[in-house]
Amino acid sequence: MKQLYHSGSADGASCKEAVNIRALIKELDRRVRILESDIAREEALAGVSNPLNAAYPVLARMMTAQRGNLKQTIAALEQRLAPELAQNA
């Protein structure tokens, strides 16, 4: 007789959540890399790479803030994922 598994179990839900979190982290990391490239391009166009310089591009400042927010989100998601990794180890 074939064994039937119930996909609604707590382990199944936490595993699915972990997969979703990993996918989200991967996507956010991709966006961080795109922002880093865009920031470098803006700095090169302006000829200013020091954010403390008054001539530093406003767009680069905004993208730098967005990149920082994404990195904080990634760190929070990794912390949320840490118990799942420890449980499976």
PDB file of N, CA and C in Angstrom:
ATOM      1  N   MET A   1       0.834  -1.171   0.000  1.00  0.00           N
ATOM      2  CA  MET A   1       0.000   0.000   0.000  1.00  0.00           C
ATOM      3  C   MET A   1       0.884   1.242   0.000  1.00  0.00           C
ATOM      4  N   LYS A   2       0.519   2.222  -0.810  1.00  0.00           N
ATOM      5  CA  LYS A   2       1.298   3.444  -0.945  1.00  0.00           C
ATOM      6  C   LYS A   2       1.069   4.363   0.253  1.00  0.00           C
ATOM      7  N   GLN A   3       2.164   4.900   0.797  1.00  0.00           N
ATOM      8  CA  GLN A   3       2.094   5.804   1.947  1.00  0.00           C
ATOM      9  C   GLN A   3       1.644   7.186   1.476  1.00  0.00           C
ATOM     10  N   LEU A   4       0.659   7.757   2.123  1.00  0.00           N
ATOM     11  CA  LEU A   4       0.181   9.094   1.796  1.00  0.00           C
ATOM     12  C   LEU A   4       0.744  10.077   2.816  1.00  0.00           C
ATOM     13  N   TYR A   5       1.166  11.217   2.315  1.00  0.00           N
ATOM     14  CA  TYR A   5       1.717  12.246   3.178  1.00  0.00           C
ATOM     15  C   TYR A   5       0.810  13.463   3.138  1.00  0.00           C
ATOM     16  N   HIS A   6       0.610  14.037   4.293  1.00  0.00           N
ATOM     17  CA  HIS A   6      -0.221  15.227   4.390  1.00  0.00           C
ATOM     18  C   HIS A   6       0.676  16.447   4.235  1.00  0.00           C
ATOM     19  N   SER A   7       0.444  17.238   3.183  1.00  0.00           N
ATOM     20  CA  SER A   7       1.311  18.387   2.906  1.00  0.00           C
ATOM     21  C   SER A   7       1.051  19.568   3.826  1.00  0.00           C
ATOM     22  N   GLY A   8       0.027  19.496   4.647  1.00  0.00           N
ATOM     23  CA  GLY A   8      -0.297  20.595   5.521  1.00  0.00           C
ATOM     24  C   GLY A   8       0.360  20.502   6.886  1.00  0.00           C
ATOM     25  N   SER A   9       1.358  19.665   7.040  1.00  0.00           N
ATOM     26  CA  SER A   9       2.008  19.511   8.337  1.00  0.00           C
ATOM     27  C   SER A   9       2.850  20.731   8.673  1.00  0.00           C
ATOM     28  N   ALA A  10       3.193  20.859   9.931  1.00  0.00           N
ATOM     29  CA  ALA A  10       4.005  21.986  10.383  1.00  0.00           C
ATOM     30  C   ALA A  10       5.380  21.955   9.732  1.00  0.00           C
ATOM     31  N   ASP A  11       5.965  20.758   9.607  1.00  0.00           N
ATOM     32  CA  ASP A  11       7.276  20.646   8.970  1.00  0.00           C
ATOM     33  C   ASP A  11       7.206  21.042   7.507  1.00  0.00           C
ATOM     34  N   GLY A  12       6.156  20.635   6.845  1.00  0.00           N
ATOM     35  CA  GLY A  12       5.982  20.990   5.438  1.00  0.00           C
ATOM     36  C   GLY A  12       5.824  22.482   5.250  1.00  0.00           C
ATOM     37  N   ALA A  13       5.077  23.113   6.154  1.00  0.00           N
ATOM     38  CA  ALA A  13       4.869  24.555   6.069  1.00  0.00           C
ATOM     39  C   ALA A  13       6.168  25.303   6.331  1.00  0.00           C
ATOM     40  N   SER A  14       6.921  24.868   7.332  1.00  0.00           N
ATOM     41  CA  SER A  14       8.177  25.565   7.636  1.00  0.00           C
ATOM     42  C   SER A  14       9.197  25.352   6.530  1.00  0.00           C
ATOM     43  N   CYS A  15       9.180  24.191   5.906  1.00  0.00           N
ATOM     44  CA  CYS A  15      10.087  23.925   4.791  1.00  0.00           C
ATOM     45  C   CYS A  15       9.728  24.816   3.602  1.00  0.00           C
ATOM     46  N   LYS A  16       8.439  24.936   3.336  1.00  0.00           N
ATOM     47  CA  LYS A  16       7.991  25.787   2.228  1.00  0.00           C
ATOM     48  C   LYS A  16       8.335  27.246   2.506  1.00  0.00           C
ATOM     49  N   GLU A  17       8.159  27.663   3.750  1.00  0.00           N
ATOM     50  CA  GLU A  17       8.500  29.037   4.119  1.00  0.00           C
ATOM     51  C   GLU A  17       9.995  29.281   3.942  1.00  0.00           C
ATOM     52  N   ALA A  18      10.816  28.308   4.326  1.00  0.00           N
ATOM     53  CA  ALA A  18      12.263  28.445   4.172  1.00  0.00           C
ATOM     54  C   ALA A  18      12.637  28.575   2.702  1.00  0.00           C
ATOM     55  N   VAL A  19      11.992  27.796   1.854  1.00  0.00           N
ATOM     56  CA  VAL A  19      12.256  27.874   0.411  1.00  0.00           C
ATOM     57  C   VAL A  19      11.874  29.260  -0.105  1.00  0.00           C
ATOM     58  N   ASN A  20      10.733  29.764   0.331  1.00  0.00           N
ATOM     59  CA  ASN A  20      10.285  31.092  -0.094  1.00  0.00           C
ATOM     60  C   ASN A  20      11.228  32.183   0.393  1.00  0.00           C
ATOM     61  N   ILE A  21      11.702  32.055   1.624  1.00  0.00           N
ATOM     62  CA  ILE A  21      12.625  33.048   2.172  1.00  0.00           C
ATOM     63  C   ILE A  21      13.933  33.025   1.397  1.00  0.00           C
ATOM     64  N   ARG A  22      14.441  31.833   1.102  1.00  0.00           N
ATOM     65  CA  ARG A  22      15.683  31.735   0.327  1.00  0.00           C
ATOM     66  C   ARG A  22      15.524  32.377  -1.058  1.00  0.00           C
ATOM     67  N   ALA A  23      14.385  32.159  -1.688  1.00  0.00           N
ATOM     68  CA  ALA A  23      14.132  32.754  -3.003  1.00  0.00           C
ATOM     69  C   ALA A  23      14.063  34.273  -2.902  1.00  0.00           C
ATOM     70  N   LEU A  24      13.440  34.768  -1.839  1.00  0.00           N
ATOM     71  CA  LEU A  24      13.350  36.208  -1.633  1.00  0.00           C
ATOM     72  C   LEU A  24      14.727  36.805  -1.383  1.00  0.00           C
ATOM     73  N   ILE A  25      15.538  36.144  -0.577  1.00  0.00           N
ATOM     74  CA  ILE A  25      16.906  36.620  -0.321  1.00  0.00           C
ATOM     75  C   ILE A  25      17.694  36.679  -1.619  1.00  0.00           C
ATOM     76  N   LYS A  26      17.556  35.660  -2.430  1.00  0.00           N
ATOM     77  CA  LYS A  26      18.267  35.627  -3.714  1.00  0.00           C
ATOM     78  C   LYS A  26      17.848  36.801  -4.607  1.00  0.00           C
ATOM     79  N   GLU A  27      16.554  37.082  -4.661  1.00  0.00           N
ATOM     80  CA  GLU A  27      16.048  38.189  -5.472  1.00  0.00           C
ATOM     81  C   GLU A  27      16.514  39.536  -4.924  1.00  0.00           C
ATOM     82  N   LEU A  28      16.454  39.710  -3.617  1.00  0.00           N
ATOM     83  CA  LEU A  28      16.905  40.967  -3.013  1.00  0.00           C
ATOM     84  C   LEU A  28      18.398  41.170  -3.214  1.00  0.00           C
ATOM     85  N   ASP A  29      19.174  40.095  -3.140  1.00  0.00           N
ATOM     86  CA  ASP A  29      20.612  40.187  -3.385  1.00  0.00           C
ATOM     87  C   ASP A  29      20.886  40.606  -4.825  1.00  0.00           C
ATOM     88  N   ARG A  30      20.099  40.103  -5.757  1.00  0.00           N
ATOM     89  CA  ARG A  30      20.245  40.492  -7.160  1.00  0.00           C
ATOM     90  C   ARG A  30      19.976  41.988  -7.307  1.00  0.00           C
ATOM     91  N   ARG A  31      18.954  42.477  -6.627  1.00  0.00           N
ATOM     92  CA  ARG A  31      18.635  43.904  -6.692  1.00  0.00           C
ATOM     93  C   ARG A  31      19.730  44.763  -6.066  1.00  0.00           C
ATOM     94  N   VAL A  32      20.343  44.269  -5.003  1.00  0.00           N
ATOM     95  CA  VAL A  32      21.464  44.989  -4.376  1.00  0.00           C
ATOM     96  C   VAL A  32      22.607  45.132  -5.378  1.00  0.00           C
ATOM     97  N   ARG A  33      22.916  44.044  -6.080  1.00  0.00           N
ATOM     98  CA  ARG A  33      24.004  44.104  -7.074  1.00  0.00           C
ATOM     99  C   ARG A  33      23.680  45.071  -8.209  1.00  0.00           C
ATOM    100  N   ILE A  34      22.430  45.115  -8.639  1.00  0.00           N
ATOM    101  CA  ILE A  34      22.028  46.064  -9.676  1.00  0.00           C
ATOM    102  C   ILE A  34      22.189  47.491  -9.174  1.00  0.00           C
ATOM    103  N   LEU A  35      21.748  47.737  -7.942  1.00  0.00           N
ATOM    104  CA  LEU A  35      21.899  49.070  -7.361  1.00  0.00           C
ATOM    105  C   LEU A  35      23.365  49.471  -7.253  1.00  0.00           C
ATOM    106  N   GLU A  36      24.217  48.536  -6.864  1.00  0.00           N
ATOM    107  CA  GLU A  36      25.645  48.840  -6.760  1.00  0.00           C
ATOM    108  C   GLU A  36      26.208  49.258  -8.111  1.00  0.00           C
ATOM    109  N   SER A  37      25.795  48.573  -9.155  1.00  0.00           N
ATOM    110  CA  SER A  37      26.227  48.924 -10.504  1.00  0.00           C
ATOM    111  C   SER A  37      25.699  50.306 -10.906  1.00  0.00           C
ATOM    112  N   ASP A  38      24.439  50.576 -10.598  1.00  0.00           N
ATOM    113  CA  ASP A  38      23.839  51.867 -10.930  1.00  0.00           C
ATOM    114  C   ASP A  38      24.492  53.004 -10.146  1.00  0.00           C
ATOM    115  N   ILE A  39      24.811  52.757  -8.889  1.00  0.00           N
ATOM    116  CA  ILE A  39      25.488  53.772  -8.068  1.00  0.00           C
ATOM    117  C   ILE A  39      26.855  54.085  -8.663  1.00  0.00           C
ATOM    118  N   ALA A  40      27.591  53.050  -9.029  1.00  0.00           N
ATOM    119  CA  ALA A  40      28.923  53.254  -9.622  1.00  0.00           C
ATOM    120  C   ALA A  40      28.809  54.060 -10.915  1.00  0.00           C
ATOM    121  N   ARG A  41      27.780  53.781 -11.713  1.00  0.00           N
ATOM    122  CA  ARG A  41      27.595  54.520 -12.969  1.00  0.00           C
ATOM    123  C   ARG A  41      27.306  55.992 -12.691  1.00  0.00           C
ATOM    124  N   GLU A  42      26.435  56.266 -11.723  1.00  0.00           N
ATOM    125  CA  GLU A  42      26.112  57.654 -11.377  1.00  0.00           C
ATOM    126  C   GLU A  42      27.342  58.392 -10.858  1.00  0.00           C
ATOM    127  N   GLU A  43      28.132  57.713 -10.034  1.00  0.00           N
ATOM    128  CA  GLU A  43      29.361  58.331  -9.517  1.00  0.00           C
ATOM    129  C   GLU A  43      30.333  58.628 -10.650  1.00  0.00           C
ATOM    130  N   ALA A  44      30.450  57.710 -11.588  1.00  0.00           N
ATOM    131  CA  ALA A  44      31.351  57.921 -12.717  1.00  0.00           C
ATOM    132  C   ALA A  44      30.883  59.082 -13.582  1.00  0.00           C
ATOM    133  N   LEU A  45      29.579  59.185 -13.821  1.00  0.00           N
ATOM    134  CA  LEU A  45      29.046  60.288 -14.624  1.00  0.00           C
ATOM    135  C   LEU A  45      29.288  61.637 -13.958  1.00  0.00           C
ATOM    136  N   ALA A  46      29.154  61.675 -12.634  1.00  0.00           N
ATOM    137  CA  ALA A  46      29.343  62.918 -11.893  1.00  0.00           C
ATOM    138  C   ALA A  46      30.814  63.196 -11.611  1.00  0.00           C
ATOM    139  N   GLY A  47      31.627  62.156 -11.669  1.00  0.00           N
ATOM    140  CA  GLY A  47      33.038  62.314 -11.339  1.00  0.00           C
ATOM    141  C   GLY A  47      33.270  62.490  -9.849  1.00  0.00           C
ATOM    142  N   VAL A  48      32.293  62.082  -9.040  1.00  0.00           N
ATOM    143  CA  VAL A  48      32.375  62.218  -7.581  1.00  0.00           C
ATOM    144  C   VAL A  48      31.960  60.888  -6.957  1.00  0.00           C
ATOM    145  N   SER A  49      32.852  60.345  -6.130  1.00  0.00           N
ATOM    146  CA  SER A  49      32.521  59.068  -5.484  1.00  0.00           C
ATOM    147  C   SER A  49      32.426  59.177  -3.963  1.00  0.00           C
ATOM    148  N   ASN A  50      32.674  60.361  -3.440  1.00  0.00           N
ATOM    149  CA  ASN A  50      32.609  60.584  -1.995  1.00  0.00           C
ATOM    150  C   ASN A  50      31.216  61.110  -1.623  1.00  0.00           C
ATOM    151  N   PRO A  51      30.443  60.314  -0.887  1.00  0.00           N
ATOM    152  CA  PRO A  51      29.090  60.757  -0.522  1.00  0.00           C
ATOM    153  C   PRO A  51      29.063  62.016   0.342  1.00  0.00           C
ATOM    154  N   LEU A  52      30.178  62.360   0.960  1.00  0.00           N
ATOM    155  CA  LEU A  52      30.239  63.568   1.784  1.00  0.00           C
ATOM    156  C   LEU A  52      30.447  64.828   0.955  1.00  0.00           C
ATOM    157  N   ASN A  53      30.822  64.664  -0.303  1.00  0.00           N
ATOM    158  CA  ASN A  53      31.029  65.787  -1.215  1.00  0.00           C
ATOM    159  C   ASN A  53      29.669  66.361  -1.603  1.00  0.00           C
ATOM    160  N   ALA A  54      29.555  67.683  -1.597  1.00  0.00           N
ATOM    161  CA  ALA A  54      28.289  68.341  -1.934  1.00  0.00           C
ATOM    162  C   ALA A  54      27.862  68.053  -3.372  1.00  0.00           C
ATOM    163  N   ALA A  55      28.819  67.729  -4.231  1.00  0.00           N
ATOM    164  CA  ALA A  55      28.502  67.457  -5.640  1.00  0.00           C
ATOM    165  C   ALA A  55      28.098  66.004  -5.886  1.00  0.00           C
ATOM    166  N   TYR A  56      28.050  65.200  -4.833  1.00  0.00           N
ATOM    167  CA  TYR A  56      27.676  63.793  -4.991  1.00  0.00           C
ATOM    168  C   TYR A  56      26.243  63.725  -5.533  1.00  0.00           C
ATOM    169  N   PRO A  57      26.003  62.896  -6.525  1.00  0.00           N
ATOM    170  CA  PRO A  57      24.678  62.858  -7.156  1.00  0.00           C
ATOM    171  C   PRO A  57      23.553  62.445  -6.199  1.00  0.00           C
ATOM    172  N   VAL A  58      22.456  63.170  -6.277  1.00  0.00           N
ATOM    173  CA  VAL A  58      21.294  62.888  -5.428  1.00  0.00           C
ATOM    174  C   VAL A  58      20.755  61.494  -5.719  1.00  0.00           C
ATOM    175  N   LEU A  59      20.722  61.117  -6.990  1.00  0.00           N
ATOM    176  CA  LEU A  59      20.230  59.783  -7.355  1.00  0.00           C
ATOM    177  C   LEU A  59      21.091  58.694  -6.715  1.00  0.00           C
ATOM    178  N   ALA A  60      22.399  58.898  -6.689  1.00  0.00           N
ATOM    179  CA  ALA A  60      23.292  57.919  -6.063  1.00  0.00           C
ATOM    180  C   ALA A  60      23.016  57.839  -4.562  1.00  0.00           C
ATOM    181  N   ARG A  61      22.739  58.981  -3.933  1.00  0.00           N
ATOM    182  CA  ARG A  61      22.390  58.983  -2.502  1.00  0.00           C
ATOM    183  C   ARG A  61      21.124  58.163  -2.246  1.00  0.00           C
ATOM    184  N   MET A  62      20.128  58.381  -3.085  1.00  0.00           N
ATOM    185  CA  MET A  62      18.866  57.666  -2.922  1.00  0.00           C
ATOM    186  C   MET A  62      19.059  56.168  -3.138  1.00  0.00           C
ATOM    187  N   MET A  63      19.837  55.816  -4.149  1.00  0.00           N
ATOM    188  CA  MET A  63      20.072  54.396  -4.419  1.00  0.00           C
ATOM    189  C   MET A  63      20.906  53.765  -3.304  1.00  0.00           C
ATOM    190  N   THR A  64      21.827  54.527  -2.724  1.00  0.00           N
ATOM    191  CA  THR A  64      22.635  54.022  -1.610  1.00  0.00           C
ATOM    192  C   THR A  64      21.748  53.733  -0.404  1.00  0.00           C
ATOM    193  N   ALA A  65      20.795  54.618  -0.138  1.00  0.00           N
ATOM    194  CA  ALA A  65      19.856  54.395   0.969  1.00  0.00           C
ATOM    195  C   ALA A  65      18.997  53.157   0.697  1.00  0.00           C
ATOM    196  N   GLN A  66      18.540  53.019  -0.531  1.00  0.00           N
ATOM    197  CA  GLN A  66      17.723  51.859  -0.888  1.00  0.00           C
ATOM    198  C   GLN A  66      18.528  50.569  -0.749  1.00  0.00           C
ATOM    199  N   ARG A  67      19.791  50.610  -1.196  1.00  0.00           N
ATOM    200  CA  ARG A  67      20.665  49.437  -1.066  1.00  0.00           C
ATOM    201  C   ARG A  67      20.837  49.065   0.402  1.00  0.00           C
ATOM    202  N   GLY A  68      21.022  50.068   1.263  1.00  0.00           N
ATOM    203  CA  GLY A  68      21.159  49.806   2.693  1.00  0.00           C
ATOM    204  C   GLY A  68      19.911  49.159   3.276  1.00  0.00           C
ATOM    205  N   ASN A  69      18.754  49.653   2.858  1.00  0.00           N
ATOM    206  CA  ASN A  69      17.493  49.063   3.324  1.00  0.00           C
ATOM    207  C   ASN A  69      17.359  47.620   2.872  1.00  0.00           C
ATOM    208  N   LEU A  70      17.729  47.338   1.638  1.00  0.00           N
ATOM    209  CA  LEU A  70      17.656  45.967   1.133  1.00  0.00           C
ATOM    210  C   LEU A  70      18.608  45.050   1.897  1.00  0.00           C
ATOM    211  N   LYS A  71      19.793  45.540   2.200  1.00  0.00           N
ATOM    212  CA  LYS A  71      20.758  44.734   2.954  1.00  0.00           C
ATOM    213  C   LYS A  71      20.233  44.435   4.361  1.00  0.00           C
ATOM    214  N   GLN A  72      19.567  45.410   4.980  1.00  0.00           N
ATOM    215  CA  GLN A  72      18.983  45.178   6.301  1.00  0.00           C
ATOM    216  C   GLN A  72      17.860  44.141   6.212  1.00  0.00           C
ATOM    217  N   THR A  73      17.082  44.217   5.157  1.00  0.00           N
ATOM    218  CA  THR A  73      16.004  43.242   4.966  1.00  0.00           C
ATOM    219  C   THR A  73      16.572  41.847   4.773  1.00  0.00           C
ATOM    220  N   ILE A  74      17.640  41.741   3.980  1.00  0.00           N
ATOM    221  CA  ILE A  74      18.291  40.448   3.767  1.00  0.00           C
ATOM    222  C   ILE A  74      18.799  39.887   5.096  1.00  0.00           C
ATOM    223  N   ALA A  75      19.426  40.732   5.896  1.00  0.00           N
ATOM    224  CA  ALA A  75      19.944  40.282   7.195  1.00  0.00           C
ATOM    225  C   ALA A  75      18.807  39.795   8.093  1.00  0.00           C
ATOM    226  N   ALA A  76      17.686  40.497   8.089  1.00  0.00           N
ATOM    227  CA  ALA A  76      16.543  40.087   8.910  1.00  0.00           C
ATOM    228  C   ALA A  76      15.976  38.753   8.426  1.00  0.00           C
ATOM    229  N   LEU A  77      15.909  38.582   7.115  1.00  0.00           N
ATOM    230  CA  LEU A  77      15.416  37.319   6.568  1.00  0.00           C
ATOM    231  C   LEU A  77      16.370  36.168   6.889  1.00  0.00           C
ATOM    232  N   GLU A  78      17.673  36.439   6.836  1.00  0.00           N
ATOM    233  CA  GLU A  78      18.649  35.397   7.178  1.00  0.00           C
ATOM    234  C   GLU A  78      18.533  35.005   8.637  1.00  0.00           C
ATOM    235  N   GLN A  79      18.258  35.974   9.519  1.00  0.00           N
ATOM    236  CA  GLN A  79      18.048  35.655  10.933  1.00  0.00           C
ATOM    237  C   GLN A  79      16.799  34.813  11.115  1.00  0.00           C
ATOM    238  N   ARG A  80      15.782  35.128  10.349  1.00  0.00           N
ATOM    239  CA  ARG A  80      14.542  34.349  10.429  1.00  0.00           C
ATOM    240  C   ARG A  80      14.767  32.926   9.932  1.00  0.00           C
ATOM    241  N   LEU A  81      15.670  32.770   8.985  1.00  0.00           N
ATOM    242  CA  LEU A  81      15.963  31.476   8.413  1.00  0.00           C
ATOM    243  C   LEU A  81      16.913  30.669   9.299  1.00  0.00           C
ATOM    244  N   ALA A  82      17.705  31.332  10.148  1.00  0.00           N
ATOM    245  CA  ALA A  82      18.716  30.662  10.971  1.00  0.00           C
ATOM    246  C   ALA A  82      18.146  29.535  11.841  1.00  0.00           C
ATOM    247  N   PRO A  83      17.023  29.717  12.532  1.00  0.00           N
ATOM    248  CA  PRO A  83      16.485  28.597  13.325  1.00  0.00           C
ATOM    249  C   PRO A  83      16.118  27.387  12.451  1.00  0.00           C
ATOM    250  N   GLU A  84      15.654  27.664  11.258  1.00  0.00           N
ATOM    251  CA  GLU A  84      15.302  26.575  10.335  1.00  0.00           C
ATOM    252  C   GLU A  84      16.554  25.782   9.953  1.00  0.00           C
ATOM    253  N   LEU A  85      17.655  26.487   9.705  1.00  0.00           N
ATOM    254  CA  LEU A  85      18.902  25.828   9.349  1.00  0.00           C
ATOM    255  C   LEU A  85      19.453  25.017  10.520  1.00  0.00           C
ATOM    256  N   ALA A  86      19.352  25.588  11.732  1.00  0.00           N
ATOM    257  CA  ALA A  86      19.850  24.880  12.911  1.00  0.00           C
ATOM    258  C   ALA A  86      19.012  23.636  13.199  1.00  0.00           C
ATOM    259  N   GLN A  87      17.729  23.718  12.948  1.00  0.00           N
ATOM    260  CA  GLN A  87      16.840  22.588  13.186  1.00  0.00           C
ATOM    261  C   GLN A  87      17.131  21.449  12.222  1.00  0.00           C
ATOM    262  N   ASN A  88      17.491  21.768  10.994  1.00  0.00           N
ATOM    263  CA  ASN A  88      17.759  20.741   9.986  1.00  0.00           C
ATOM    264  C   ASN A  88      19.174  20.187  10.053  1.00  0.00           C
ATOM    265  N   ALA A  89      20.036  20.819  10.838  1.00  0.00           N
ATOM    266  CA  ALA A  89      21.435  20.374  10.930  1.00  0.00           C
ATOM    267  C   ALA A  89      21.581  19.162  11.802  1.00  0.00           C
TER     268      ALA A  89
END
